[in-house]
Amino acid sequence: MVLVSSSHIDAVDWDEGVLTVVFHDGGKYEYSDVPEGIYREMLAAPSVGQFFRQNVKGAFAYQKIA
């Protein structure tokens, strides 16, 4: 897990196409079939939360895991 500076997201991780996102409220979600490039761009984005909303949310299948 990589801790990030965001008003809504605590940490993100990527492993073999699965992007894991941990939110401040304790929710933990796995997004399927996410290219590694999206993960790397998210980490480099000026706003991790904005990047997530624009490029991940609604674009990939997900499941809540915690």
C-alpha atoms as a PDB file:
ATOM      1  CA  MET A   1       0.000   0.000   0.000  1.00  0.00           C
ATOM      2  CA  VAL A   2       1.118   3.507  -0.815  1.00  0.00           C
ATOM      3  CA  LEU A   3      -0.123   6.240   1.499  1.00  0.00           C
ATOM      4  CA  VAL A   4      -1.390   9.255  -0.443  1.00  0.00           C
ATOM      5  CA  SER A   5      -2.225  12.840   0.385  1.00  0.00           C
ATOM      6  CA  SER A   6      -5.917  13.199  -0.364  1.00  0.00           C
ATOM      7  CA  SER A   7      -9.020  14.551   1.316  1.00  0.00           C
ATOM      8  CA  HIS A   8     -10.882  11.257   0.716  1.00  0.00           C
ATOM      9  CA  ILE A   9      -8.315   8.514   0.028  1.00  0.00           C
ATOM     10  CA  ASP A  10      -5.813   7.096   2.528  1.00  0.00           C
ATOM     11  CA  ALA A  11      -3.890   4.595   0.405  1.00  0.00           C
ATOM     12  CA  VAL A  12      -3.777   2.802  -2.927  1.00  0.00           C
ATOM     13  CA  ASP A  13      -2.155  -0.357  -4.221  1.00  0.00           C
ATOM     14  CA  TRP A  14      -1.987  -2.190  -7.537  1.00  0.00           C
ATOM     15  CA  ASP A  15      -1.265  -5.864  -8.171  1.00  0.00           C
ATOM     16  CA  GLU A  16      -1.806  -7.736 -11.439  1.00  0.00           C
ATOM     17  CA  GLY A  17      -4.627  -5.507 -12.639  1.00  0.00           C
ATOM     18  CA  VAL A  18      -6.358  -5.042  -9.291  1.00  0.00           C
ATOM     19  CA  LEU A  19      -6.345  -1.509  -7.909  1.00  0.00           C
ATOM     20  CA  THR A  20      -7.084  -1.357  -4.179  1.00  0.00           C
ATOM     21  CA  VAL A  21      -8.289   1.947  -2.762  1.00  0.00           C
ATOM     22  CA  VAL A  22      -8.675   2.641   0.966  1.00  0.00           C
ATOM     23  CA  PHE A  23     -10.836   5.627   1.879  1.00  0.00           C
ATOM     24  CA  HIS A  24     -10.704   7.784   5.020  1.00  0.00           C
ATOM     25  CA  ASP A  25     -14.094   6.416   6.120  1.00  0.00           C
ATOM     26  CA  GLY A  26     -12.589   2.913   6.319  1.00  0.00           C
ATOM     27  CA  GLY A  27     -14.056   1.612   3.072  1.00  0.00           C
ATOM     28  CA  LYS A  28     -11.724  -0.590   1.053  1.00  0.00           C
ATOM     29  CA  TYR A  29     -12.482  -1.359  -2.583  1.00  0.00           C
ATOM     30  CA  GLU A  30     -10.875  -3.433  -5.313  1.00  0.00           C
ATOM     31  CA  TYR A  31     -11.193  -2.283  -8.929  1.00  0.00           C
ATOM     32  CA  SER A  32     -10.663  -4.962 -11.595  1.00  0.00           C
ATOM     33  CA  ASP A  33      -8.683  -4.869 -14.845  1.00  0.00           C
ATOM     34  CA  VAL A  34      -7.029  -1.521 -14.113  1.00  0.00           C
ATOM     35  CA  PRO A  35      -3.925  -0.953 -16.258  1.00  0.00           C
ATOM     36  CA  GLU A  36      -0.731  -0.320 -14.323  1.00  0.00           C
ATOM     37  CA  GLY A  37      -0.402   3.009 -16.146  1.00  0.00           C
ATOM     38  CA  ILE A  38      -3.612   4.262 -14.522  1.00  0.00           C
ATOM     39  CA  TYR A  39      -2.185   3.383 -11.096  1.00  0.00           C
ATOM     40  CA  ARG A  40       1.087   5.167 -11.831  1.00  0.00           C
ATOM     41  CA  GLU A  41      -0.723   8.238 -13.190  1.00  0.00           C
ATOM     42  CA  MET A  42      -2.924   8.286 -10.093  1.00  0.00           C
ATOM     43  CA  LEU A  43       0.127   8.337  -7.809  1.00  0.00           C
ATOM     44  CA  ALA A  44       1.669  11.165  -9.848  1.00  0.00           C
ATOM     45  CA  ALA A  45      -1.515  13.245 -10.132  1.00  0.00           C
ATOM     46  CA  PRO A  46      -1.681  16.631  -8.373  1.00  0.00           C
ATOM     47  CA  SER A  47      -5.021  15.476  -6.895  1.00  0.00           C
ATOM     48  CA  VAL A  48      -5.346  11.738  -6.272  1.00  0.00           C
ATOM     49  CA  GLY A  49      -9.050  12.055  -5.479  1.00  0.00           C
ATOM     50  CA  GLN A  50      -9.822  14.039  -8.609  1.00  0.00           C
ATOM     51  CA  PHE A  51      -7.868  11.586 -10.750  1.00  0.00           C
ATOM     52  CA  PHE A  52      -9.772   8.711  -9.127  1.00  0.00           C
ATOM     53  CA  ARG A  53     -13.154  10.346  -9.803  1.00  0.00           C
ATOM     54  CA  GLN A  54     -12.292  11.159 -13.427  1.00  0.00           C
ATOM     55  CA  ASN A  55     -10.456   7.974 -14.440  1.00  0.00           C
ATOM     56  CA  VAL A  56     -11.368   5.071 -12.154  1.00  0.00           C
ATOM     57  CA  LYS A  57     -14.790   5.557 -10.559  1.00  0.00           C
ATOM     58  CA  GLY A  58     -17.420   4.254 -12.947  1.00  0.00           C
ATOM     59  CA  ALA A  59     -14.826   3.039 -15.445  1.00  0.00           C
ATOM     60  CA  PHE A  60     -13.922  -0.301 -13.818  1.00  0.00           C
ATOM     61  CA  ALA A  61     -15.844  -3.079 -12.094  1.00  0.00           C
ATOM     62  CA  TYR A  62     -15.332  -3.026  -8.328  1.00  0.00           C
ATOM     63  CA  GLN A  63     -16.191  -4.759  -5.104  1.00  0.00           C
ATOM     64  CA  LYS A  64     -16.122  -3.592  -1.508  1.00  0.00           C
ATOM     65  CA  ILE A  65     -13.789  -5.742   0.543  1.00  0.00           C
ATOM     66  CA  ALA A  66     -13.911  -3.992   3.926  1.00  0.00           C
END
